[in-house]
Amino acid sequence: MLATVINVVLVLAGSAAGLLFKNLISDRLMAILTQALSLCVLGVGISSAIGTQNMLCVIVCMVLGAMLGSAVDIEGRLERAGDLLRARIPKGEGTGRFTEGFVNASLLFCVGAMAITGSIEAGLNHNYEIIVSKGVIDGVTSISFAAAMGVGVAFSVLPLLIYQGGITLLAGWVGPYLPDAVITEMTAVGGALIIGIAVNMLGLGKERIKVGNMLPAMFLPILYVPLADWLAGLF
């Protein structure tokens, strides 16, 4: 949990800096920084996604995960959570895009290879290097996000703490039984989701991709990989 706490502190520090110094950054510079950041996010997603050893696994998990997430309406629930938090804080400058900042930052900080592998590594071996490195990236990112979308970015530490902290604790219990192949495919699926986030950040496509509704896909390799191996053994 220590690594996740460090990640949370860095996001809060970055969010505070973004809110305090946003007037020193011009809209033009902010747009360029956002585009540059989006391209970096796209690169992270691609580098993770191409690490798959089983593209069929990624495809099946993405399809089933999208169906499950849409049925539960995860993205809608995230948005409603953001609206609820917004209603509980004083009105003022910086809260107009609260939900957008909360949802986008929550997805970006929680989804991806570093969040999964770093949390598992922290839970199994008490190695915090990956999560701390991710925390630095998140902290820098939160400066831009908070300056552009307001205080909602800071509240993304709530799902971040639950998500990464939960995986870390879970890894300590079940991690020794999780095959490397499962982690590889979870990382690849997470990379595909990050690509979706980057596409949204760049404003590509006619409609915004509801990445939140695809989150269950990240965990389906836990079922898919052993099931596929079992079926392959039958033939």
C-alpha atoms as a PDB file:
ATOM      1  CA  MET A   1       0.000   0.000   0.000  1.00  0.00           C
ATOM      2  CA  LEU A   2       2.944   2.356   0.581  1.00  0.00           C
ATOM      3  CA  ALA A   3       3.636   2.601  -3.154  1.00  0.00           C
ATOM      4  CA  THR A   4       0.013   3.502  -3.867  1.00  0.00           C
ATOM      5  CA  VAL A   5       0.054   6.151  -1.123  1.00  0.00           C
ATOM      6  CA  ILE A   6       3.107   7.707  -2.792  1.00  0.00           C
ATOM      7  CA  ASN A   7       1.236   7.655  -6.119  1.00  0.00           C
ATOM      8  CA  VAL A   8      -1.740   9.387  -4.489  1.00  0.00           C
ATOM      9  CA  VAL A   9       0.451  12.094  -2.925  1.00  0.00           C
ATOM     10  CA  LEU A  10       2.107  12.829  -6.282  1.00  0.00           C
ATOM     11  CA  VAL A  11      -1.267  13.165  -8.009  1.00  0.00           C
ATOM     12  CA  LEU A  12      -2.522  15.521  -5.291  1.00  0.00           C
ATOM     13  CA  ALA A  13       0.646  17.608  -5.540  1.00  0.00           C
ATOM     14  CA  GLY A  14       0.382  17.781  -9.317  1.00  0.00           C
ATOM     15  CA  SER A  15      -3.313  18.689  -9.146  1.00  0.00           C
ATOM     16  CA  ALA A  16      -2.584  21.476  -6.664  1.00  0.00           C
ATOM     17  CA  ALA A  17       0.166  22.850  -8.888  1.00  0.00           C
ATOM     18  CA  GLY A  18      -2.112  22.760 -11.918  1.00  0.00           C
ATOM     19  CA  LEU A  19      -4.889  24.634 -10.097  1.00  0.00           C
ATOM     20  CA  LEU A  20      -2.519  27.228  -8.652  1.00  0.00           C
ATOM     21  CA  PHE A  21      -0.555  28.012 -11.805  1.00  0.00           C
ATOM     22  CA  LYS A  22      -3.118  27.425 -14.529  1.00  0.00           C
ATOM     23  CA  ASN A  23      -3.352  31.166 -15.256  1.00  0.00           C
ATOM     24  CA  LEU A  24       0.331  31.194 -16.131  1.00  0.00           C
ATOM     25  CA  ILE A  25      -0.250  28.712 -18.936  1.00  0.00           C
ATOM     26  CA  SER A  26      -1.840  30.033 -22.115  1.00  0.00           C
ATOM     27  CA  ASP A  27      -4.637  28.152 -23.855  1.00  0.00           C
ATOM     28  CA  ARG A  28      -2.392  27.615 -26.842  1.00  0.00           C
ATOM     29  CA  LEU A  29       0.381  26.119 -24.735  1.00  0.00           C
ATOM     30  CA  MET A  30      -2.131  23.993 -22.835  1.00  0.00           C
ATOM     31  CA  ALA A  31      -3.502  22.637 -26.104  1.00  0.00           C
ATOM     32  CA  ILE A  32      -0.025  21.735 -27.287  1.00  0.00           C
ATOM     33  CA  LEU A  33       0.840  20.123 -23.944  1.00  0.00           C
ATOM     34  CA  THR A  34      -2.401  18.130 -24.009  1.00  0.00           C
ATOM     35  CA  GLN A  35      -1.699  16.918 -27.527  1.00  0.00           C
ATOM     36  CA  ALA A  36       1.859  15.974 -26.605  1.00  0.00           C
ATOM     37  CA  LEU A  37       0.607  14.161 -23.523  1.00  0.00           C
ATOM     38  CA  SER A  38      -2.020  12.376 -25.602  1.00  0.00           C
ATOM     39  CA  LEU A  39       0.631  11.104 -27.994  1.00  0.00           C
ATOM     40  CA  CYS A  40       2.707   9.851 -25.056  1.00  0.00           C
ATOM     41  CA  VAL A  41      -0.346   8.045 -23.667  1.00  0.00           C
ATOM     42  CA  LEU A  42      -0.921   6.540 -27.109  1.00  0.00           C
ATOM     43  CA  GLY A  43       2.681   5.317 -27.152  1.00  0.00           C
ATOM     44  CA  VAL A  44       2.298   3.711 -23.728  1.00  0.00           C
ATOM     45  CA  GLY A  45      -0.866   1.970 -24.865  1.00  0.00           C
ATOM     46  CA  ILE A  46       0.656   0.653 -28.069  1.00  0.00           C
ATOM     47  CA  SER A  47       3.817  -0.576 -26.351  1.00  0.00           C
ATOM     48  CA  SER A  48       1.697  -2.501 -23.838  1.00  0.00           C
ATOM     49  CA  ALA A  49      -0.793  -3.868 -26.347  1.00  0.00           C
ATOM     50  CA  ILE A  50       1.838  -5.286 -28.706  1.00  0.00           C
ATOM     51  CA  GLY A  51       3.271  -7.337 -25.865  1.00  0.00           C
ATOM     52  CA  THR A  52       0.456  -9.856 -26.202  1.00  0.00           C
ATOM     53  CA  GLN A  53       1.312 -13.466 -26.938  1.00  0.00           C
ATOM     54  CA  ASN A  54      -2.290 -14.259 -27.817  1.00  0.00           C
ATOM     55  CA  MET A  55      -4.161 -11.666 -29.867  1.00  0.00           C
ATOM     56  CA  LEU A  56      -7.310 -13.787 -29.819  1.00  0.00           C
ATOM     57  CA  CYS A  57      -7.298 -13.492 -26.028  1.00  0.00           C
ATOM     58  CA  VAL A  58      -7.173  -9.703 -26.264  1.00  0.00           C
ATOM     59  CA  ILE A  59      -9.985  -9.614 -28.824  1.00  0.00           C
ATOM     60  CA  VAL A  60     -12.277 -11.972 -26.909  1.00  0.00           C
ATOM     61  CA  CYS A  61     -11.641 -10.247 -23.581  1.00  0.00           C
ATOM     62  CA  MET A  62     -12.247  -6.805 -25.079  1.00  0.00           C
ATOM     63  CA  VAL A  63     -15.547  -7.897 -26.638  1.00  0.00           C
ATOM     64  CA  LEU A  64     -16.838  -9.693 -23.552  1.00  0.00           C
ATOM     65  CA  GLY A  65     -15.528  -6.985 -21.245  1.00  0.00           C
ATOM     66  CA  ALA A  66     -17.285  -4.275 -23.241  1.00  0.00           C
ATOM     67  CA  MET A  67     -20.532  -6.243 -23.077  1.00  0.00           C
ATOM     68  CA  LEU A  68     -20.249  -6.727 -19.312  1.00  0.00           C
ATOM     69  CA  GLY A  69     -19.234  -3.129 -18.654  1.00  0.00           C
ATOM     70  CA  SER A  70     -22.025  -1.758 -20.812  1.00  0.00           C
ATOM     71  CA  ALA A  71     -24.570  -3.941 -19.016  1.00  0.00           C
ATOM     72  CA  VAL A  72     -23.414  -2.539 -15.666  1.00  0.00           C
ATOM     73  CA  ASP A  73     -22.863   0.940 -17.164  1.00  0.00           C
ATOM     74  CA  ILE A  74     -19.528   1.493 -15.443  1.00  0.00           C
ATOM     75  CA  GLU A  75     -18.862   4.776 -17.228  1.00  0.00           C
ATOM     76  CA  GLY A  76     -22.270   6.103 -16.247  1.00  0.00           C
ATOM     77  CA  ARG A  77     -21.624   5.135 -12.639  1.00  0.00           C
ATOM     78  CA  LEU A  78     -18.265   6.915 -12.712  1.00  0.00           C
ATOM     79  CA  GLU A  79     -19.944  10.018 -14.081  1.00  0.00           C
ATOM     80  CA  ARG A  80     -22.645   9.883 -11.412  1.00  0.00           C
ATOM     81  CA  ALA A  81     -19.971   9.466  -8.748  1.00  0.00           C
ATOM     82  CA  GLY A  82     -18.292  12.577 -10.104  1.00  0.00           C
ATOM     83  CA  ASP A  83     -21.591  14.465 -10.026  1.00  0.00           C
ATOM     84  CA  LEU A  84     -22.152  13.375  -6.426  1.00  0.00           C
ATOM     85  CA  LEU A  85     -18.706  14.572  -5.372  1.00  0.00           C
ATOM     86  CA  ARG A  86     -19.227  17.851  -7.218  1.00  0.00           C
ATOM     87  CA  ALA A  87     -22.481  18.424  -5.349  1.00  0.00           C
ATOM     88  CA  ARG A  88     -20.674  18.062  -2.023  1.00  0.00           C
ATOM     89  CA  ILE A  89     -17.990  20.696  -2.622  1.00  0.00           C
ATOM     90  CA  PRO A  90     -18.408  24.496  -2.665  1.00  0.00           C
ATOM     91  CA  LYS A  91     -19.260  26.059  -6.001  1.00  0.00           C
ATOM     92  CA  GLY A  92     -16.542  28.110  -7.585  1.00  0.00           C
ATOM     93  CA  GLU A  93     -14.013  28.419 -10.322  1.00  0.00           C
ATOM     94  CA  GLY A  94     -12.518  25.136 -11.452  1.00  0.00           C
ATOM     95  CA  THR A  95     -15.573  22.964 -10.749  1.00  0.00           C
ATOM     96  CA  GLY A  96     -17.333  23.419 -14.081  1.00  0.00           C
ATOM     97  CA  ARG A  97     -15.583  20.413 -15.624  1.00  0.00           C
ATOM     98  CA  PHE A  98     -15.459  18.424 -12.409  1.00  0.00           C
ATOM     99  CA  THR A  99     -16.986  15.224 -13.774  1.00  0.00           C
ATOM    100  CA  GLU A 100     -14.892  15.268 -16.931  1.00  0.00           C
ATOM    101  CA  GLY A 101     -11.701  15.718 -14.930  1.00  0.00           C
ATOM    102  CA  PHE A 102     -12.685  13.083 -12.370  1.00  0.00           C
ATOM    103  CA  VAL A 103     -13.623  10.445 -14.964  1.00  0.00           C
ATOM    104  CA  ASN A 104     -10.736  11.065 -17.368  1.00  0.00           C
ATOM    105  CA  ALA A 105      -8.108  11.193 -14.623  1.00  0.00           C
ATOM    106  CA  SER A 106      -9.550   8.132 -12.850  1.00  0.00           C
ATOM    107  CA  LEU A 107      -9.444   6.090 -16.035  1.00  0.00           C
ATOM    108  CA  LEU A 108      -5.985   7.270 -17.046  1.00  0.00           C
ATOM    109  CA  PHE A 109      -4.430   6.751 -13.610  1.00  0.00           C
ATOM    110  CA  CYS A 110      -6.109   3.401 -12.935  1.00  0.00           C
ATOM    111  CA  VAL A 111      -5.996   1.682 -16.319  1.00  0.00           C
ATOM    112  CA  GLY A 112      -2.803   0.305 -17.766  1.00  0.00           C
ATOM    113  CA  ALA A 113       0.182  -1.939 -17.614  1.00  0.00           C
ATOM    114  CA  MET A 114       2.023  -0.055 -14.889  1.00  0.00           C
ATOM    115  CA  ALA A 115      -0.978  -0.015 -12.552  1.00  0.00           C
ATOM    116  CA  ILE A 116      -1.462  -3.775 -12.845  1.00  0.00           C
ATOM    117  CA  THR A 117       2.123  -5.008 -12.967  1.00  0.00           C
ATOM    118  CA  GLY A 118       3.318  -2.415 -10.451  1.00  0.00           C
ATOM    119  CA  SER A 119       0.604  -3.277  -7.937  1.00  0.00           C
ATOM    120  CA  ILE A 120       1.243  -6.989  -8.343  1.00  0.00           C
ATOM    121  CA  GLU A 121       4.994  -6.490  -7.953  1.00  0.00           C
ATOM    122  CA  ALA A 122       4.432  -4.392  -4.839  1.00  0.00           C
ATOM    123  CA  GLY A 123       2.123  -7.011  -3.372  1.00  0.00           C
ATOM    124  CA  LEU A 124       4.341  -9.975  -4.180  1.00  0.00           C
ATOM    125  CA  ASN A 125       7.869  -8.697  -3.674  1.00  0.00           C
ATOM    126  CA  HIS A 126       7.414  -5.320  -1.944  1.00  0.00           C
ATOM    127  CA  ASN A 127       9.119  -3.753  -4.965  1.00  0.00           C
ATOM    128  CA  TYR A 128       7.730  -0.210  -5.338  1.00  0.00           C
ATOM    129  CA  GLU A 129       9.837   0.901  -8.297  1.00  0.00           C
ATOM    130  CA  ILE A 130       7.134   0.496 -10.969  1.00  0.00           C
ATOM    131  CA  ILE A 131       4.371   2.203  -8.992  1.00  0.00           C
ATOM    132  CA  VAL A 132       6.621   5.086  -7.905  1.00  0.00           C
ATOM    133  CA  SER A 133       7.678   5.603 -11.540  1.00  0.00           C
ATOM    134  CA  LYS A 134       4.007   5.588 -12.533  1.00  0.00           C
ATOM    135  CA  GLY A 135       3.313   8.059  -9.725  1.00  0.00           C
ATOM    136  CA  VAL A 136       5.820  10.520 -11.172  1.00  0.00           C
ATOM    137  CA  ILE A 137       4.147  10.258 -14.591  1.00  0.00           C
ATOM    138  CA  ASP A 138       0.697  10.648 -13.008  1.00  0.00           C
ATOM    139  CA  GLY A 139       1.869  13.663 -11.025  1.00  0.00           C
ATOM    140  CA  VAL A 140       3.123  15.453 -14.124  1.00  0.00           C
ATOM    141  CA  THR A 141      -0.024  14.487 -16.007  1.00  0.00           C
ATOM    142  CA  SER A 142      -2.278  15.762 -13.228  1.00  0.00           C
ATOM    143  CA  ILE A 143      -0.747  19.246 -13.540  1.00  0.00           C
ATOM    144  CA  SER A 144      -2.006  19.527 -17.104  1.00  0.00           C
ATOM    145  CA  PHE A 145      -5.296  17.804 -16.353  1.00  0.00           C
ATOM    146  CA  ALA A 146      -6.088  19.944 -13.289  1.00  0.00           C
ATOM    147  CA  ALA A 147      -5.209  23.156 -15.119  1.00  0.00           C
ATOM    148  CA  ALA A 148      -7.515  22.174 -17.977  1.00  0.00           C
ATOM    149  CA  MET A 149     -10.372  20.386 -16.185  1.00  0.00           C
ATOM    150  CA  GLY A 150     -10.287  21.598 -12.603  1.00  0.00           C
ATOM    151  CA  VAL A 151     -10.439  20.139  -9.122  1.00  0.00           C
ATOM    152  CA  GLY A 152     -12.146  16.908 -10.215  1.00  0.00           C
ATOM    153  CA  VAL A 153      -8.703  15.569 -11.145  1.00  0.00           C
ATOM    154  CA  ALA A 154      -7.632  15.618  -7.491  1.00  0.00           C
ATOM    155  CA  PHE A 155     -10.623  13.465  -6.502  1.00  0.00           C
ATOM    156  CA  SER A 156      -9.396  10.745  -8.881  1.00  0.00           C
ATOM    157  CA  VAL A 157      -7.117   9.644  -6.028  1.00  0.00           C
ATOM    158  CA  LEU A 158     -10.152   7.946  -4.440  1.00  0.00           C
ATOM    159  CA  PRO A 159     -10.609   5.242  -7.120  1.00  0.00           C
ATOM    160  CA  LEU A 160      -6.823   5.185  -7.553  1.00  0.00           C
ATOM    161  CA  LEU A 161      -6.328   4.310  -3.882  1.00  0.00           C
ATOM    162  CA  ILE A 162      -9.043   1.656  -3.956  1.00  0.00           C
ATOM    163  CA  TYR A 163      -7.986   0.176  -7.299  1.00  0.00           C
ATOM    164  CA  GLN A 164      -4.216  -0.004  -6.900  1.00  0.00           C
ATOM    165  CA  GLY A 165      -4.377  -0.666  -3.197  1.00  0.00           C
ATOM    166  CA  GLY A 166      -6.885  -3.452  -3.770  1.00  0.00           C
ATOM    167  CA  ILE A 167      -4.764  -5.100  -6.450  1.00  0.00           C
ATOM    168  CA  THR A 168      -1.692  -4.862  -4.221  1.00  0.00           C
ATOM    169  CA  LEU A 169      -3.467  -6.561  -1.329  1.00  0.00           C
ATOM    170  CA  LEU A 170      -5.016  -9.142  -3.626  1.00  0.00           C
ATOM    171  CA  ALA A 171      -1.650  -9.873  -5.223  1.00  0.00           C
ATOM    172  CA  GLY A 172      -0.228 -10.678  -1.829  1.00  0.00           C
ATOM    173  CA  TRP A 173      -2.909 -13.342  -1.381  1.00  0.00           C
ATOM    174  CA  VAL A 174      -3.384 -14.892  -4.845  1.00  0.00           C
ATOM    175  CA  GLY A 175      -0.397 -13.583  -6.798  1.00  0.00           C
ATOM    176  CA  PRO A 176       1.733 -16.710  -6.372  1.00  0.00           C
ATOM    177  CA  TYR A 177      -0.954 -18.649  -8.249  1.00  0.00           C
ATOM    178  CA  LEU A 178      -1.235 -16.173 -11.174  1.00  0.00           C
ATOM    179  CA  PRO A 179       0.640 -17.441 -14.273  1.00  0.00           C
ATOM    180  CA  ASP A 180       2.949 -15.118 -16.210  1.00  0.00           C
ATOM    181  CA  ALA A 181       0.801 -15.627 -19.310  1.00  0.00           C
ATOM    182  CA  VAL A 182      -2.206 -14.146 -17.512  1.00  0.00           C
ATOM    183  CA  ILE A 183      -0.255 -11.050 -16.449  1.00  0.00           C
ATOM    184  CA  THR A 184       1.018 -10.629 -20.024  1.00  0.00           C
ATOM    185  CA  GLU A 185      -2.486 -10.654 -21.481  1.00  0.00           C
ATOM    186  CA  MET A 186      -3.891  -8.410 -18.735  1.00  0.00           C
ATOM    187  CA  THR A 187      -1.151  -5.939 -19.609  1.00  0.00           C
ATOM    188  CA  ALA A 188      -1.989  -6.167 -23.321  1.00  0.00           C
ATOM    189  CA  VAL A 189      -5.696  -5.589 -22.716  1.00  0.00           C
ATOM    190  CA  GLY A 190      -4.843  -2.635 -20.481  1.00  0.00           C
ATOM    191  CA  GLY A 191      -2.734  -1.253 -23.321  1.00  0.00           C
ATOM    192  CA  ALA A 192      -5.700  -1.471 -25.680  1.00  0.00           C
ATOM    193  CA  LEU A 193      -7.786   0.496 -23.186  1.00  0.00           C
ATOM    194  CA  ILE A 194      -5.073   3.146 -22.886  1.00  0.00           C
ATOM    195  CA  ILE A 195      -5.130   3.523 -26.678  1.00  0.00           C
ATOM    196  CA  GLY A 196      -8.848   4.242 -26.378  1.00  0.00           C
ATOM    197  CA  ILE A 197      -8.139   6.927 -23.774  1.00  0.00           C
ATOM    198  CA  ALA A 198      -5.549   8.520 -26.072  1.00  0.00           C
ATOM    199  CA  VAL A 199      -8.003   8.537 -28.966  1.00  0.00           C
ATOM    200  CA  ASN A 200     -10.505  10.375 -26.773  1.00  0.00           C
ATOM    201  CA  MET A 201      -7.863  12.845 -25.609  1.00  0.00           C
ATOM    202  CA  LEU A 202      -6.915  13.620 -29.212  1.00  0.00           C
ATOM    203  CA  GLY A 203     -10.554  14.038 -30.189  1.00  0.00           C
ATOM    204  CA  LEU A 204     -10.357  11.424 -32.920  1.00  0.00           C
ATOM    205  CA  GLY A 205     -13.435   9.596 -34.135  1.00  0.00           C
ATOM    206  CA  LYS A 206     -17.034  10.724 -34.492  1.00  0.00           C
ATOM    207  CA  GLU A 207     -18.041   9.501 -31.039  1.00  0.00           C
ATOM    208  CA  ARG A 208     -16.199   9.330 -27.744  1.00  0.00           C
ATOM    209  CA  ILE A 209     -15.073   5.820 -26.832  1.00  0.00           C
ATOM    210  CA  LYS A 210     -16.643   4.697 -23.551  1.00  0.00           C
ATOM    211  CA  VAL A 211     -13.463   3.203 -22.162  1.00  0.00           C
ATOM    212  CA  GLY A 212     -14.953   2.913 -18.698  1.00  0.00           C
ATOM    213  CA  ASN A 213     -17.436   0.341 -19.927  1.00  0.00           C
ATOM    214  CA  MET A 214     -14.551  -1.791 -21.168  1.00  0.00           C
ATOM    215  CA  LEU A 215     -12.745  -2.052 -17.825  1.00  0.00           C
ATOM    216  CA  PRO A 216     -13.911  -5.641 -17.063  1.00  0.00           C
ATOM    217  CA  ALA A 217     -11.870  -6.770 -20.066  1.00  0.00           C
ATOM    218  CA  MET A 218      -8.693  -6.258 -18.034  1.00  0.00           C
ATOM    219  CA  PHE A 219      -9.522  -9.102 -15.683  1.00  0.00           C
ATOM    220  CA  LEU A 220     -10.979 -11.616 -18.134  1.00  0.00           C
ATOM    221  CA  PRO A 221      -7.564 -13.087 -19.072  1.00  0.00           C
ATOM    222  CA  ILE A 222      -7.593 -14.624 -15.585  1.00  0.00           C
ATOM    223  CA  LEU A 223     -10.395 -16.865 -16.888  1.00  0.00           C
ATOM    224  CA  TYR A 224      -9.539 -16.966 -20.573  1.00  0.00           C
ATOM    225  CA  VAL A 225      -5.929 -18.176 -20.410  1.00  0.00           C
ATOM    226  CA  PRO A 226      -6.467 -21.303 -18.262  1.00  0.00           C
ATOM    227  CA  LEU A 227      -9.690 -22.124 -20.141  1.00  0.00           C
ATOM    228  CA  ALA A 228      -7.918 -21.858 -23.497  1.00  0.00           C
ATOM    229  CA  ASP A 229      -5.050 -24.032 -22.248  1.00  0.00           C
ATOM    230  CA  TRP A 230      -7.527 -26.637 -21.006  1.00  0.00           C
ATOM    231  CA  LEU A 231      -9.369 -26.723 -24.330  1.00  0.00           C
ATOM    232  CA  ALA A 232      -6.087 -26.951 -26.238  1.00  0.00           C
ATOM    233  CA  GLY A 233      -5.117 -29.942 -24.101  1.00  0.00           C
ATOM    234  CA  LEU A 234      -8.287 -31.734 -25.131  1.00  0.00           C
ATOM    235  CA  PHE A 235      -7.329 -31.551 -28.783  1.00  0.00           C
END
